[in-house]
């Protein structure tokens, strides 16, 4: 079961256009469904967290579409297609004011099996981790059109990282890139970045963590980093130095099995953990000023079987979960005062969501 869950985690001209209903105040949620080669799109009610699937959704995407990223302008969506051959590629979609997607060609070639994407907060650079070729492709983004341009790395067209990335995050400043991987044990590699170019790993990198660190989160201040160690059933907490170097603060053994995804709410008060194996729930922790974790007394919160992905919108009011066993997306309201999650509704999708991206 662990292998199955791990595999599922691995998140010009118009080709496809559809129209949805919405208002300028709405947010839009997009979910990648690699088994179906589709993206499912919903309008999110910003006041209630209710999702309404857009007309024409799901739409056909690239082969094995695995990861999604929304530009901060709300105008562009990027999709990493892990099953494309002979190399993986990235699709660009224009987002209309009603949430409609129009794919722009050509797709940009990357390395083998792109499974992860991150973008800096300014929307200037897109980083794509290629799990099959053990490297990272980087692109600059033209603000007016969303068009990608490859950024040459010091070692060639891509930056070799020597591992199959399990997860990847940027620091809030956009100057440090964190990548988790698994060798004899799990670890975090840390790279300085400058104008999209990865430098040599920081001193001390890679930093040991628990085994199979599929979950990764960095707080909004760039002070602390967390990994969800799936095989160990634990959460590791690190402090982040100005250089990007990590110092282990604590390792919290979970009561629940198979932590695979992490999400820190916008307030920075709570860490939510999707537990994928027999637990089928979200654990919730308060985050101390020192980065330490304390399990909330009202935690965990029940989900459908085998949640694989957890995220939230920019309002901090709603949390969304993608589930594997019965493919669906669940929405929850978040009480900012207590960290309590209350189920709103569940929405069926045509396969396990591996990535969920929400417009700001």
Protein backbone atom coordinates (compact mmCIF):
# COMPACT_ATOMS: atom_id res chain seq x y z
CA UNK A 1 0.00 0.00 0.00
CA UNK A 2 2.89 2.35 0.77
CA UNK A 3 4.31 1.86 -2.72
CA UNK A 4 0.93 2.63 -4.26
CA UNK A 5 0.53 5.77 -2.20
CA UNK A 6 4.10 6.87 -2.96
CA UNK A 7 3.57 6.47 -6.70
CA UNK A 8 0.45 8.58 -6.52
CA UNK A 9 2.22 11.36 -4.65
CA UNK A 10 4.79 11.81 -7.06
CA UNK A 11 1.93 17.51 -5.81
CA UNK A 12 0.52 29.89 -28.89
CA UNK A 13 -2.48 28.17 -30.33
CA UNK A 14 -5.52 27.17 -28.38
CA UNK A 15 -5.79 23.41 -27.90
CA UNK A 16 -8.61 23.13 -25.40
CA UNK A 17 -11.11 25.76 -24.27
CA UNK A 18 -14.10 25.63 -21.98
CA UNK A 19 -16.24 28.15 -20.14
CA UNK A 20 -17.28 28.17 -16.48
CA UNK A 21 -19.43 30.44 -14.41
CA UNK A 22 -18.04 32.65 -11.69
CA UNK A 23 -17.47 36.18 -10.48
CA UNK A 24 -14.37 38.27 -10.05
CA UNK A 25 -14.56 37.71 -6.28
CA UNK A 26 -14.45 33.93 -6.67
CA UNK A 27 -11.43 31.72 -6.35
CA UNK A 28 -10.81 28.75 -8.62
CA UNK A 29 -9.45 25.38 -7.59
CA UNK A 30 -7.69 23.06 -10.05
CA UNK A 31 -6.78 19.43 -9.37
CA UNK A 32 -4.40 17.23 -11.37
CA UNK A 33 -5.65 13.70 -12.09
CA UNK A 34 -2.72 11.81 -13.66
CA UNK A 35 -4.56 8.50 -14.17
CA UNK A 36 -7.13 10.26 -16.37
CA UNK A 37 -4.74 12.80 -17.98
CA UNK A 38 -7.17 15.50 -16.86
CA UNK A 39 -7.49 18.66 -14.79
CA UNK A 40 -10.67 19.13 -12.79
CA UNK A 41 -11.73 22.74 -12.19
CA UNK A 42 -14.04 24.18 -9.56
CA UNK A 43 -15.29 27.60 -8.53
CA UNK A 44 -14.73 28.14 -4.81
CA UNK A 45 -17.30 30.19 -2.98
CA UNK A 46 -15.03 32.56 -1.00
CA UNK A 47 -17.62 32.90 1.77
CA UNK A 48 -18.62 29.26 2.26
CA UNK A 49 -15.80 27.12 0.85
CA UNK A 50 -18.30 25.26 -1.34
CA UNK A 51 -16.97 24.01 -4.68
CA UNK A 52 -18.93 24.04 -7.94
CA UNK A 53 -17.46 22.15 -10.87
CA UNK A 54 -17.15 24.36 -13.93
CA UNK A 55 -18.94 23.63 -17.17
CA UNK A 56 -16.66 21.59 -19.43
CA UNK A 57 -14.60 20.25 -16.53
CA UNK A 58 -12.65 18.00 -16.40
CA UNK A 59 -10.53 18.98 -19.38
CA UNK A 60 -7.92 16.96 -21.22
CA UNK A 61 -4.40 17.72 -20.05
CA UNK A 62 -0.95 16.31 -20.80
CA UNK A 63 -0.01 12.68 -20.34
CA UNK A 64 0.23 11.85 -16.62
CA UNK A 65 -0.40 15.43 -15.51
CA UNK A 66 1.12 15.41 -12.03
CA UNK A 67 1.71 18.87 -10.60
CA UNK A 68 0.04 22.27 -10.93
CA UNK A 69 1.05 25.85 -10.12
CA UNK A 70 -0.99 29.07 -10.40
CA UNK A 71 0.69 32.38 -11.19
CA UNK A 72 0.09 35.09 -8.54
CA UNK A 73 -1.53 37.28 -11.23
CA UNK A 74 -4.32 34.62 -11.43
CA UNK A 75 -3.89 34.66 -15.22
CA UNK A 76 -1.85 31.49 -15.78
CA UNK A 77 -1.82 27.84 -14.73
CA UNK A 78 1.17 25.54 -15.30
CA UNK A 79 0.91 21.75 -15.44
CA UNK A 80 3.79 19.25 -15.30
CA UNK A 81 3.11 16.20 -17.47
CA UNK A 82 5.10 13.32 -15.97
CA UNK A 83 4.06 10.70 -18.54
CA UNK A 84 4.98 12.68 -21.65
CA UNK A 85 7.61 11.09 -23.89
CA UNK A 86 10.41 11.10 -24.92
CA UNK A 87 10.82 13.71 -22.18
CA UNK A 88 8.39 15.27 -19.77
CA UNK A 89 6.92 18.66 -20.51
CA UNK A 90 5.07 21.58 -18.96
CA UNK A 91 1.79 23.03 -20.27
CA UNK A 92 0.74 26.67 -19.99
CA UNK A 93 -2.95 27.52 -19.61
CA UNK A 94 -4.44 31.01 -19.66
CA UNK A 95 -7.08 31.51 -16.96
CA UNK A 96 -10.10 33.67 -17.81
CA UNK A 97 -11.92 35.80 -15.25
CA UNK A 98 -14.52 32.99 -15.09
CA UNK A 99 -11.91 30.30 -14.39
CA UNK A 100 -11.87 28.94 -17.95
CA UNK A 101 -8.61 27.42 -19.17
CA UNK A 102 -7.12 27.80 -22.63
CA UNK A 103 -3.93 25.86 -23.29
CA UNK A 104 -1.16 27.71 -25.12
CA UNK A 105 1.34 25.80 -27.22
CA UNK A 106 4.02 24.68 -27.57
CA UNK A 107 4.58 22.78 -24.36
CA UNK A 108 8.03 23.24 -22.83
CA UNK A 109 10.26 20.17 -22.65
CA UNK A 110 11.87 19.34 -19.32
CA UNK A 111 13.62 16.25 -17.91
CA UNK A 112 12.22 12.77 -17.38
CA UNK A 113 9.06 12.39 -15.26
CA UNK A 114 8.46 15.92 -13.91
CA UNK A 115 6.50 15.43 -10.69
CA UNK A 116 6.87 18.65 -8.68
CA UNK A 117 6.68 22.40 -9.36
CA UNK A 118 7.20 25.50 -7.23
CA UNK A 119 7.07 29.19 -8.10
CA UNK A 120 8.47 32.21 -6.28
CA UNK A 121 5.96 34.62 -4.73
CA UNK A 122 6.59 37.25 -7.41
CA UNK A 123 5.80 34.79 -10.19
CA UNK A 124 9.19 35.38 -11.81
CA UNK A 125 10.56 31.81 -11.85
CA UNK A 126 9.14 28.30 -12.12
CA UNK A 127 11.13 25.31 -10.80
CA UNK A 128 10.33 21.81 -12.08
CA UNK A 129 11.72 18.69 -10.36
CA UNK A 130 12.25 15.78 -12.76
CA UNK A 131 12.13 12.61 -10.67
CA UNK A 132 13.27 10.35 -13.51
CA UNK A 133 16.37 12.32 -14.55
CA UNK A 134 17.38 13.49 -11.04
CA UNK A 135 17.48 17.16 -11.98
CA UNK A 136 15.60 20.46 -11.86
CA UNK A 137 14.51 22.56 -14.83
CA UNK A 138 14.11 26.30 -14.21
CA UNK A 139 12.19 28.84 -16.28
CA UNK A 140 11.74 32.59 -16.14
CA UNK A 141 8.16 33.75 -16.64
CA UNK A 142 7.10 36.62 -18.90
CA UNK A 143 4.61 38.52 -16.74
CA UNK A 144 2.37 39.70 -19.60
CA UNK A 145 1.97 36.36 -21.40
CA UNK A 146 3.03 33.66 -18.94
CA UNK A 147 5.47 32.30 -21.51
CA UNK A 148 8.36 30.26 -20.09
CA UNK A 149 12.02 30.72 -21.03
CA UNK A 150 14.62 28.21 -19.90
CA UNK A 151 17.20 29.48 -17.39
CA UNK A 152 20.63 27.94 -17.98
CA UNK A 153 22.25 26.36 -14.92
CA UNK A 154 25.93 26.27 -14.02
CA UNK A 155 26.23 22.61 -15.03
CA UNK A 156 24.16 22.81 -18.22
CA UNK A 157 20.52 23.24 -19.22
CA UNK A 158 19.26 21.73 -15.95
CA UNK A 159 20.56 21.51 -12.37
CA UNK A 160 21.52 17.98 -11.38
CA UNK A 161 20.57 17.14 -7.80
CA UNK A 162 21.58 13.46 -7.63
CA UNK A 163 18.26 12.17 -6.32
CA UNK A 164 14.67 11.50 -7.25
CA UNK A 165 12.89 14.39 -5.53
CA UNK A 166 10.02 13.47 -3.22
CA UNK A 167 9.02 17.06 -2.49
CA UNK A 168 10.27 20.59 -3.12
CA UNK A 169 9.63 24.03 -1.60
CA UNK A 170 11.04 27.54 -1.94
CA UNK A 171 11.75 29.83 0.99
CA UNK A 172 9.33 32.80 1.15
CA UNK A 173 12.15 35.07 -0.06
CA UNK A 174 12.68 32.84 -3.09
CA UNK A 175 16.42 32.62 -2.37
CA UNK A 176 16.59 29.03 -1.05
CA UNK A 177 15.27 25.80 -2.54
CA UNK A 178 14.58 22.77 -0.31
CA UNK A 179 14.32 19.28 -1.84
CA UNK A 180 13.56 16.04 0.02
CA UNK A 181 14.78 12.63 -1.11
CA UNK A 182 15.42 9.11 0.11
CA UNK A 183 18.66 7.16 0.10
CA UNK A 184 19.65 4.82 2.93
CA UNK A 185 17.63 7.30 4.94
CA UNK A 186 15.61 10.41 4.16
CA UNK A 187 17.21 13.82 3.88
CA UNK A 188 16.73 17.43 2.77
CA UNK A 189 19.01 19.03 0.19
CA UNK A 190 19.29 22.83 0.38
CA UNK A 191 20.34 25.04 -2.55
CA UNK A 192 20.80 28.81 -2.71
CA UNK A 193 19.15 30.30 -5.79
CA UNK A 194 19.94 33.56 -7.57
CA UNK A 195 17.85 34.73 -10.53
CA UNK A 196 16.70 31.17 -11.05
CA UNK A 197 20.18 29.62 -10.97
CA UNK A 198 20.87 26.95 -8.33
CA UNK A 199 24.16 27.28 -6.49
CA UNK A 200 26.20 24.59 -4.77
CA UNK A 201 24.38 22.98 -1.82
CA UNK A 202 24.76 24.95 1.42
CA UNK A 203 27.30 23.78 3.98
CA UNK A 204 26.07 20.67 5.79
CA UNK A 205 23.62 19.67 3.05
CA UNK A 206 22.05 17.16 2.75
CA UNK A 207 20.45 17.23 6.20
CA UNK A 208 19.16 13.91 7.63
CA UNK A 209 15.47 13.58 8.40
CA UNK A 210 13.07 10.65 8.76
CA UNK A 211 12.49 7.96 6.13
CA UNK A 212 10.42 8.69 3.01
CA UNK A 213 9.95 12.44 3.63
CA UNK A 214 7.05 12.92 1.21
CA UNK A 215 5.55 15.84 3.12
CA UNK A 216 7.38 19.18 3.19
CA UNK A 217 6.34 22.62 4.49
CA UNK A 218 8.12 25.91 5.19
CA UNK A 219 6.49 28.56 7.36
CA UNK A 220 5.68 32.02 5.99
CA UNK A 221 8.59 33.64 7.86
CA UNK A 222 11.15 31.23 6.43
CA UNK A 223 12.21 30.32 9.98
CA UNK A 224 11.12 26.69 10.20
CA UNK A 225 10.83 23.65 7.94
CA UNK A 226 8.88 20.43 8.51
CA UNK A 227 8.98 17.00 6.88
CA UNK A 228 6.35 14.27 7.04
CA UNK A 229 8.25 10.99 7.20
CA UNK A 230 5.88 8.42 5.75
CA UNK A 231 7.75 5.23 6.58
CA UNK A 232 8.66 6.36 10.11
CA UNK A 233 5.24 7.79 10.94
CA UNK A 234 6.85 10.98 12.23
CA UNK A 235 7.12 14.72 11.70
CA UNK A 236 10.55 16.39 11.83
CA UNK A 237 10.87 20.09 12.67
CA UNK A 238 13.94 22.16 11.74
CA UNK A 239 15.03 25.75 12.26
CA UNK A 240 16.38 27.50 9.16
CA UNK A 241 19.53 29.63 9.39
CA UNK A 242 20.07 32.70 7.22
CA UNK A 243 22.26 30.55 4.96
CA UNK A 244 19.46 28.02 4.55
CA UNK A 245 21.21 25.44 6.74
CA UNK A 246 18.90 23.29 8.88
CA UNK A 247 19.05 22.39 12.56
CA UNK A 248 16.76 19.65 13.87
CA UNK A 249 14.46 20.91 16.63
CA UNK A 250 12.35 17.84 17.27
CA UNK A 251 10.93 14.65 15.82
CA UNK A 252 7.31 14.01 16.71
CA UNK A 253 6.13 10.41 16.52
CA UNK A 254 2.60 10.29 15.17
CA UNK A 255 -0.15 8.14 16.62
CA UNK A 256 -1.46 7.90 13.07
CA UNK A 257 -0.03 5.91 10.15
CA UNK A 258 1.51 7.16 6.93
CA UNK A 259 1.89 10.97 7.07
CA UNK A 260 2.30 12.03 3.43
CA UNK A 261 1.39 15.71 3.08
CA UNK A 262 1.75 18.88 5.17
CA UNK A 263 0.03 22.26 5.13
CA UNK A 264 0.67 25.33 7.31
CA UNK A 265 -2.30 27.71 7.44
CA UNK A 266 -1.66 31.34 6.37
CA UNK A 267 -1.65 32.56 9.98
CA UNK A 268 1.29 30.23 10.71
CA UNK A 269 -0.47 28.90 13.82
CA UNK A 270 -1.33 25.37 12.69
CA UNK A 271 0.27 22.47 10.84
CA UNK A 272 -2.08 19.94 9.25
CA UNK A 273 -0.91 16.42 8.36
CA UNK A 274 -2.64 14.06 5.93
CA UNK A 275 -2.26 10.48 7.21
CA UNK A 276 -2.62 8.12 4.28
CA UNK A 277 -2.56 4.58 5.58
CA UNK A 278 -4.98 3.01 8.07
CA UNK A 279 -5.71 6.33 9.80
CA UNK A 280 -7.62 8.23 7.10
CA UNK A 281 -7.53 11.58 8.87
CA UNK A 282 -5.91 14.97 9.27
CA UNK A 283 -3.83 15.49 12.38
CA UNK A 284 -3.51 19.10 13.54
CA UNK A 285 -0.69 20.67 15.55
CA UNK A 286 -0.21 24.13 17.00
CA UNK A 287 3.16 25.66 16.10
CA UNK A 288 5.12 27.24 18.94
CA UNK A 289 7.27 30.34 18.66
CA UNK A 290 10.28 28.02 18.66
CA UNK A 291 8.80 25.94 15.82
CA UNK A 292 7.85 23.06 18.12
CA UNK A 293 4.64 21.11 17.57
CA UNK A 294 1.81 20.33 20.00
CA UNK A 295 -1.04 18.04 18.95
CA UNK A 296 -4.40 19.78 19.26
CA UNK A 297 -6.71 18.10 21.76
CA UNK A 298 -9.56 18.09 19.22
CA UNK A 299 -7.36 16.41 16.58
CA UNK A 300 -7.52 14.32 14.41
CA UNK A 301 -10.25 15.22 11.93
CA UNK A 302 -11.79 12.43 9.89
CA UNK A 303 -11.41 12.35 6.10
CA UNK A 304 -12.29 9.81 3.46
CA UNK A 305 -9.96 6.82 3.15
CA UNK A 306 -6.31 7.49 2.28
CA UNK A 307 -5.94 11.27 2.04
CA UNK A 308 -2.89 12.02 -0.11
CA UNK A 309 -2.79 15.80 -0.37
CA UNK A 310 -3.79 18.72 1.86
CA UNK A 311 -3.73 22.44 1.10
CA UNK A 312 -5.74 25.58 1.75
CA UNK A 313 -6.73 28.86 0.13
CA UNK A 314 -5.13 32.23 0.78
CA UNK A 315 -7.98 33.41 3.01
CA UNK A 316 -7.03 30.94 5.73
CA UNK A 317 -10.70 30.00 6.12
CA UNK A 318 -10.81 26.77 4.12
CA UNK A 319 -8.76 23.58 3.80
CA UNK A 320 -8.98 21.08 0.93
CA UNK A 321 -8.02 17.40 0.89
CA UNK A 322 -7.49 15.01 -2.01
CA UNK A 323 -8.25 11.33 -1.33
CA UNK A 324 -6.94 8.17 -2.96
CA UNK A 325 -9.16 5.21 -2.05
CA UNK A 326 -12.42 6.88 -3.06
CA UNK A 327 -11.19 9.62 -5.42
CA UNK A 328 -12.58 12.93 -4.22
CA UNK A 329 -11.77 16.38 -2.97
CA UNK A 330 -13.09 17.36 0.45
CA UNK A 331 -13.54 20.90 1.72
CA UNK A 332 -13.32 21.94 5.37
CA UNK A 333 -13.80 25.21 7.20
CA UNK A 334 -11.00 26.23 9.56
CA UNK A 335 -11.64 27.92 12.89
CA UNK A 336 -8.69 30.28 13.23
CA UNK A 337 -9.07 30.46 17.00
CA UNK A 338 -8.98 26.74 17.77
CA UNK A 339 -7.63 25.05 14.66
CA UNK A 340 -10.82 22.99 14.39
CA UNK A 341 -11.77 21.67 10.94
CA UNK A 342 -15.43 21.18 10.06
CA UNK A 343 -16.40 19.18 7.01
CA UNK A 344 -18.28 21.14 4.34
CA UNK A 345 -18.73 18.71 1.44
CA UNK A 346 -17.06 16.07 -0.76
CA UNK A 347 -16.68 16.20 -4.54
CA UNK A 348 -15.99 13.16 -6.73
CA UNK A 349 -13.15 13.32 -9.25
CA UNK A 350 -12.05 10.79 -11.93
CA UNK A 351 -8.91 9.66 -10.07
CA UNK A 352 -6.55 10.45 -7.21
CA UNK A 353 -5.64 14.18 -7.10
CA UNK A 354 -1.85 14.52 -6.86
CA UNK A 355 -1.77 18.32 -6.85
CA UNK A 356 -4.28 21.05 -6.01
CA UNK A 357 -3.68 24.68 -7.04
CA UNK A 358 -5.94 27.55 -5.99
CA UNK A 359 -6.02 31.09 -7.38
CA UNK A 360 -5.05 33.71 -4.77
